[in-house]
Amino acid sequence: MMFRSNVGRVDRTLRIALGLGLLALVFTGPQTPLGWFGLVPLFTGLFGTCPLYSLIGWNSGKA
């Protein structure tokens, strides 16, 4: 199943923080459009699933 939860609590927290930090670069700081890449870790953190983890069979949460 592709969208099974495979991101643990610590991993999710770090992804959300990283995503928000990168996304903030769009509006403050250097105002670079590269900050939009922050949506990827933000969404994977919020939804608790990572397609790359699914492809390689990795699970950072409890089994």
PDB file of N, CA and C in Angstrom:
ATOM      1  N   MET A   1       0.857  -1.180   0.000  1.00  0.00           N
ATOM      2  CA  MET A   1       0.000   0.000   0.000  1.00  0.00           C
ATOM      3  C   MET A   1       0.896   1.234   0.000  1.00  0.00           C
ATOM      4  N   MET A   2       0.614   2.177  -0.865  1.00  0.00           N
ATOM      5  CA  MET A   2       1.487   3.328  -1.071  1.00  0.00           C
ATOM      6  C   MET A   2       1.375   4.371   0.039  1.00  0.00           C
ATOM      7  N   PHE A   3       0.195   4.593   0.583  1.00  0.00           N
ATOM      8  CA  PHE A   3       0.025   5.691   1.518  1.00  0.00           C
ATOM      9  C   PHE A   3      -0.121   5.245   2.962  1.00  0.00           C
ATOM     10  N   ARG A   4       0.526   4.172   3.321  1.00  0.00           N
ATOM     11  CA  ARG A   4       0.549   3.715   4.707  1.00  0.00           C
ATOM     12  C   ARG A   4       1.495   4.636   5.493  1.00  0.00           C
ATOM     13  N   SER A   5       1.160   4.919   6.717  1.00  0.00           N
ATOM     14  CA  SER A   5       2.008   5.766   7.548  1.00  0.00           C
ATOM     15  C   SER A   5       3.370   5.096   7.750  1.00  0.00           C
ATOM     16  N   ASN A   6       4.435   5.786   7.339  1.00  0.00           N
ATOM     17  CA  ASN A   6       5.768   5.226   7.450  1.00  0.00           C
ATOM     18  C   ASN A   6       6.778   6.244   7.986  1.00  0.00           C
ATOM     19  N   VAL A   7       6.281   7.320   8.570  1.00  0.00           N
ATOM     20  CA  VAL A   7       7.142   8.370   9.110  1.00  0.00           C
ATOM     21  C   VAL A   7       6.866   8.467  10.613  1.00  0.00           C
ATOM     22  N   GLY A   8       7.906   8.295  11.417  1.00  0.00           N
ATOM     23  CA  GLY A   8       7.779   8.325  12.869  1.00  0.00           C
ATOM     24  C   GLY A   8       7.577   9.730  13.419  1.00  0.00           C
ATOM     25  N   ARG A   9       7.326   9.804  14.714  1.00  0.00           N
ATOM     26  CA  ARG A   9       7.009  11.073  15.370  1.00  0.00           C
ATOM     27  C   ARG A   9       8.154  12.086  15.265  1.00  0.00           C
ATOM     28  N   VAL A  10       9.366  11.655  15.572  1.00  0.00           N
ATOM     29  CA  VAL A  10      10.516  12.569  15.510  1.00  0.00           C
ATOM     30  C   VAL A  10      10.764  13.004  14.074  1.00  0.00           C
ATOM     31  N   ASP A  11      10.696  12.057  13.150  1.00  0.00           N
ATOM     32  CA  ASP A  11      10.880  12.345  11.731  1.00  0.00           C
ATOM     33  C   ASP A  11       9.828  13.338  11.243  1.00  0.00           C
ATOM     34  N   ARG A  12       8.582  13.149  11.659  1.00  0.00           N
ATOM     35  CA  ARG A  12       7.511  14.066  11.264  1.00  0.00           C
ATOM     36  C   ARG A  12       7.764  15.472  11.790  1.00  0.00           C
ATOM     37  N   THR A  13       8.178  15.561  13.046  1.00  0.00           N
ATOM     38  CA  THR A  13       8.444  16.866  13.649  1.00  0.00           C
ATOM     39  C   THR A  13       9.560  17.590  12.908  1.00  0.00           C
ATOM     40  N   LEU A  14      10.621  16.871  12.600  1.00  0.00           N
ATOM     41  CA  LEU A  14      11.742  17.476  11.871  1.00  0.00           C
ATOM     42  C   LEU A  14      11.339  17.892  10.456  1.00  0.00           C
ATOM     43  N   ARG A  15      10.544  17.065   9.806  1.00  0.00           N
ATOM     44  CA  ARG A  15      10.082  17.401   8.453  1.00  0.00           C
ATOM     45  C   ARG A  15       9.202  18.649   8.457  1.00  0.00           C
ATOM     46  N   ILE A  16       8.314  18.754   9.420  1.00  0.00           N
ATOM     47  CA  ILE A  16       7.434  19.919   9.495  1.00  0.00           C
ATOM     48  C   ILE A  16       8.251  21.176   9.769  1.00  0.00           C
ATOM     49  N   ALA A  17       9.198  21.095  10.698  1.00  0.00           N
ATOM     50  CA  ALA A  17      10.044  22.256  11.005  1.00  0.00           C
ATOM     51  C   ALA A  17      10.876  22.659   9.790  1.00  0.00           C
ATOM     52  N   LEU A  18      11.466  21.685   9.115  1.00  0.00           N
ATOM     53  CA  LEU A  18      12.263  21.972   7.930  1.00  0.00           C
ATOM     54  C   LEU A  18      11.401  22.571   6.828  1.00  0.00           C
ATOM     55  N   GLY A  19      10.227  21.999   6.621  1.00  0.00           N
ATOM     56  CA  GLY A  19       9.321  22.510   5.597  1.00  0.00           C
ATOM     57  C   GLY A  19       8.896  23.943   5.857  1.00  0.00           C
ATOM     58  N   LEU A  20       8.547  24.234   7.107  1.00  0.00           N
ATOM     59  CA  LEU A  20       8.145  25.609   7.445  1.00  0.00           C
ATOM     60  C   LEU A  20       9.317  26.567   7.314  1.00  0.00           C
ATOM     61  N   GLY A  21      10.511  26.101   7.691  1.00  0.00           N
ATOM     62  CA  GLY A  21      11.702  26.946   7.566  1.00  0.00           C
ATOM     63  C   GLY A  21      12.012  27.270   6.117  1.00  0.00           C
ATOM     64  N   LEU A  22      11.958  26.267   5.262  1.00  0.00           N
ATOM     65  CA  LEU A  22      12.215  26.508   3.835  1.00  0.00           C
ATOM     66  C   LEU A  22      11.126  27.374   3.213  1.00  0.00           C
ATOM     67  N   LEU A  23       9.896  27.118   3.590  1.00  0.00           N
ATOM     68  CA  LEU A  23       8.787  27.901   3.056  1.00  0.00           C
ATOM     69  C   LEU A  23       8.876  29.364   3.490  1.00  0.00           C
ATOM     70  N   ALA A  24       9.410  29.612   4.656  1.00  0.00           N
ATOM     71  CA  ALA A  24       9.581  30.983   5.134  1.00  0.00           C
ATOM     72  C   ALA A  24      10.546  31.765   4.246  1.00  0.00           C
ATOM     73  N   LEU A  25      11.449  31.068   3.564  1.00  0.00           N
ATOM     74  CA  LEU A  25      12.397  31.747   2.671  1.00  0.00           C
ATOM     75  C   LEU A  25      11.704  32.406   1.486  1.00  0.00           C
ATOM     76  N   VAL A  26      10.498  31.965   1.168  1.00  0.00           N
ATOM     77  CA  VAL A  26       9.756  32.569   0.066  1.00  0.00           C
ATOM     78  C   VAL A  26       9.271  33.960   0.459  1.00  0.00           C
ATOM     79  N   PHE A  27       8.940  34.143   1.729  1.00  0.00           N
ATOM     80  CA  PHE A  27       8.316  35.384   2.169  1.00  0.00           C
ATOM     81  C   PHE A  27       9.253  36.313   2.935  1.00  0.00           C
ATOM     82  N   THR A  28      10.272  35.765   3.586  1.00  0.00           N
ATOM     83  CA  THR A  28      11.213  36.579   4.356  1.00  0.00           C
ATOM     84  C   THR A  28      12.628  36.198   3.968  1.00  0.00           C
ATOM     85  N   GLY A  29      13.574  36.887   4.523  1.00  0.00           N
ATOM     86  CA  GLY A  29      14.975  36.560   4.248  1.00  0.00           C
ATOM     87  C   GLY A  29      15.339  36.857   2.810  1.00  0.00           C
ATOM     88  N   PRO A  30      16.006  35.907   2.135  1.00  0.00           N
ATOM     89  CA  PRO A  30      16.441  36.173   0.760  1.00  0.00           C
ATOM     90  C   PRO A  30      15.305  36.134  -0.269  1.00  0.00           C
ATOM     91  N   GLN A  31      14.125  35.749   0.134  1.00  0.00           N
ATOM     92  CA  GLN A  31      12.930  35.667  -0.724  1.00  0.00           C
ATOM     93  C   GLN A  31      13.223  34.895  -2.006  1.00  0.00           C
ATOM     94  N   THR A  32      13.752  33.709  -1.859  1.00  0.00           N
ATOM     95  CA  THR A  32      14.078  32.867  -2.989  1.00  0.00           C
ATOM     96  C   THR A  32      12.934  31.914  -3.316  1.00  0.00           C
ATOM     97  N   PRO A  33      12.671  31.682  -4.594  1.00  0.00           N
ATOM     98  CA  PRO A  33      11.607  30.737  -4.953  1.00  0.00           C
ATOM     99  C   PRO A  33      11.966  29.296  -4.612  1.00  0.00           C
ATOM    100  N   LEU A  34      13.208  29.015  -4.290  1.00  0.00           N
ATOM    101  CA  LEU A  34      13.601  27.660  -3.895  1.00  0.00           C
ATOM    102  C   LEU A  34      12.940  27.240  -2.586  1.00  0.00           C
ATOM    103  N   GLY A  35      12.440  28.195  -1.849  1.00  0.00           N
ATOM    104  CA  GLY A  35      11.740  27.885  -0.606  1.00  0.00           C
ATOM    105  C   GLY A  35      10.484  27.065  -0.818  1.00  0.00           C
ATOM    106  N   TRP A  36       9.931  27.087  -2.036  1.00  0.00           N
ATOM    107  CA  TRP A  36       8.738  26.291  -2.325  1.00  0.00           C
ATOM    108  C   TRP A  36       9.017  24.806  -2.200  1.00  0.00           C
ATOM    109  N   PHE A  37      10.284  24.392  -2.265  1.00  0.00           N
ATOM    110  CA  PHE A  37      10.628  22.991  -2.044  1.00  0.00           C
ATOM    111  C   PHE A  37      10.306  22.565  -0.609  1.00  0.00           C
ATOM    112  N   GLY A  38      10.073  23.514   0.268  1.00  0.00           N
ATOM    113  CA  GLY A  38       9.684  23.214   1.638  1.00  0.00           C
ATOM    114  C   GLY A  38       8.324  22.549   1.734  1.00  0.00           C
ATOM    115  N   LEU A  39       7.532  22.629   0.672  1.00  0.00           N
ATOM    116  CA  LEU A  39       6.223  21.976   0.680  1.00  0.00           C
ATOM    117  C   LEU A  39       6.355  20.459   0.741  1.00  0.00           C
ATOM    118  N   VAL A  40       7.427  19.917   0.165  1.00  0.00           N
ATOM    119  CA  VAL A  40       7.607  18.463   0.151  1.00  0.00           C
ATOM    120  C   VAL A  40       7.769  17.915   1.571  1.00  0.00           C
ATOM    121  N   PRO A  41       8.764  18.388   2.353  1.00  0.00           N
ATOM    122  CA  PRO A  41       8.864  17.847   3.715  1.00  0.00           C
ATOM    123  C   PRO A  41       7.672  18.238   4.591  1.00  0.00           C
ATOM    124  N   LEU A  42       7.085  19.395   4.327  1.00  0.00           N
ATOM    125  CA  LEU A  42       5.920  19.810   5.114  1.00  0.00           C
ATOM    126  C   LEU A  42       4.757  18.846   4.911  1.00  0.00           C
ATOM    127  N   PHE A  43       4.428  18.524   3.663  1.00  0.00           N
ATOM    128  CA  PHE A  43       3.319  17.618   3.394  1.00  0.00           C
ATOM    129  C   PHE A  43       3.607  16.197   3.858  1.00  0.00           C
ATOM    130  N   THR A  44       4.842  15.726   3.657  1.00  0.00           N
ATOM    131  CA  THR A  44       5.149  14.372   4.111  1.00  0.00           C
ATOM    132  C   THR A  44       5.101  14.294   5.628  1.00  0.00           C
ATOM    133  N   GLY A  45       5.465  15.379   6.299  1.00  0.00           N
ATOM    134  CA  GLY A  45       5.377  15.403   7.755  1.00  0.00           C
ATOM    135  C   GLY A  45       3.949  15.480   8.250  1.00  0.00           C
ATOM    136  N   LEU A  46       3.141  16.294   7.597  1.00  0.00           N
ATOM    137  CA  LEU A  46       1.745  16.439   8.017  1.00  0.00           C
ATOM    138  C   LEU A  46       0.931  15.174   7.758  1.00  0.00           C
ATOM    139  N   PHE A  47       1.169  14.530   6.629  1.00  0.00           N
ATOM    140  CA  PHE A  47       0.399  13.341   6.275  1.00  0.00           C
ATOM    141  C   PHE A  47       0.995  12.064   6.845  1.00  0.00           C
ATOM    142  N   GLY A  48       2.246  12.120   7.277  1.00  0.00           N
ATOM    143  CA  GLY A  48       2.867  10.961   7.917  1.00  0.00           C
ATOM    144  C   GLY A  48       3.268   9.854   6.965  1.00  0.00           C
ATOM    145  N   THR A  49       3.341  10.168   5.693  1.00  0.00           N
ATOM    146  CA  THR A  49       3.752   9.163   4.710  1.00  0.00           C
ATOM    147  C   THR A  49       4.757   9.772   3.744  1.00  0.00           C
ATOM    148  N   CYS A  50       5.739   8.979   3.373  1.00  0.00           N
ATOM    149  CA  CYS A  50       6.778   9.426   2.456  1.00  0.00           C
ATOM    150  C   CYS A  50       6.850   8.431   1.303  1.00  0.00           C
ATOM    151  N   PRO A  51       6.568   8.876   0.077  1.00  0.00           N
ATOM    152  CA  PRO A  51       6.617   7.965  -1.067  1.00  0.00           C
ATOM    153  C   PRO A  51       8.003   7.339  -1.274  1.00  0.00           C
ATOM    154  N   LEU A  52       9.052   8.081  -1.011  1.00  0.00           N
ATOM    155  CA  LEU A  52      10.399   7.524  -1.151  1.00  0.00           C
ATOM    156  C   LEU A  52      10.630   6.396  -0.149  1.00  0.00           C
ATOM    157  N   TYR A  53      10.181   6.593   1.081  1.00  0.00           N
ATOM    158  CA  TYR A  53      10.286   5.537   2.094  1.00  0.00           C
ATOM    159  C   TYR A  53       9.533   4.289   1.634  1.00  0.00           C
ATOM    160  N   SER A  54       8.372   4.468   1.004  1.00  0.00           N
ATOM    161  CA  SER A  54       7.593   3.334   0.518  1.00  0.00           C
ATOM    162  C   SER A  54       8.342   2.576  -0.566  1.00  0.00           C
ATOM    163  N   LEU A  55       9.009   3.313  -1.446  1.00  0.00           N
ATOM    164  CA  LEU A  55       9.736   2.675  -2.539  1.00  0.00           C
ATOM    165  C   LEU A  55      10.907   1.830  -2.048  1.00  0.00           C
ATOM    166  N   ILE A  56      11.596   2.312  -1.016  1.00  0.00           N
ATOM    167  CA  ILE A  56      12.772   1.581  -0.543  1.00  0.00           C
ATOM    168  C   ILE A  56      12.459   0.677   0.644  1.00  0.00           C
ATOM    169  N   GLY A  57      11.206   0.705   1.101  1.00  0.00           N
ATOM    170  CA  GLY A  57      10.798  -0.168   2.194  1.00  0.00           C
ATOM    171  C   GLY A  57      11.239   0.287   3.570  1.00  0.00           C
ATOM    172  N   TRP A  58      11.431   1.551   3.761  1.00  0.00           N
ATOM    173  CA  TRP A  58      11.887   2.117   5.029  1.00  0.00           C
ATOM    174  C   TRP A  58      10.685   2.558   5.842  1.00  0.00           C
ATOM    175  N   ASN A  59      10.782   2.433   7.170  1.00  0.00           N
ATOM    176  CA  ASN A  59       9.736   2.876   8.080  1.00  0.00           C
ATOM    177  C   ASN A  59      10.421   3.446   9.307  1.00  0.00           C
ATOM    178  N   SER A  60      10.293   4.749   9.537  1.00  0.00           N
ATOM    179  CA  SER A  60      10.946   5.375  10.681  1.00  0.00           C
ATOM    180  C   SER A  60      10.066   5.364  11.924  1.00  0.00           C
ATOM    181  N   GLY A  61       8.841   4.859  11.782  1.00  0.00           N
ATOM    182  CA  GLY A  61       7.929   4.761  12.931  1.00  0.00           C
ATOM    183  C   GLY A  61       7.954   3.366  13.514  1.00  0.00           C
ATOM    184  N   LYS A  62       7.004   3.120  14.376  1.00  0.00           N
ATOM    185  CA  LYS A  62       6.870   1.785  14.962  1.00  0.00           C
ATOM    186  C   LYS A  62       6.332   0.811  13.918  1.00  0.00           C
ATOM    187  N   ALA A  63       6.730  -0.395  14.018  1.00  0.00           N
ATOM    188  CA  ALA A  63       6.317  -1.416  13.027  1.00  0.00           C
ATOM    189  C   ALA A  63       4.917  -1.837  13.190  1.00  0.00           C
TER     190      ALA A  63
END
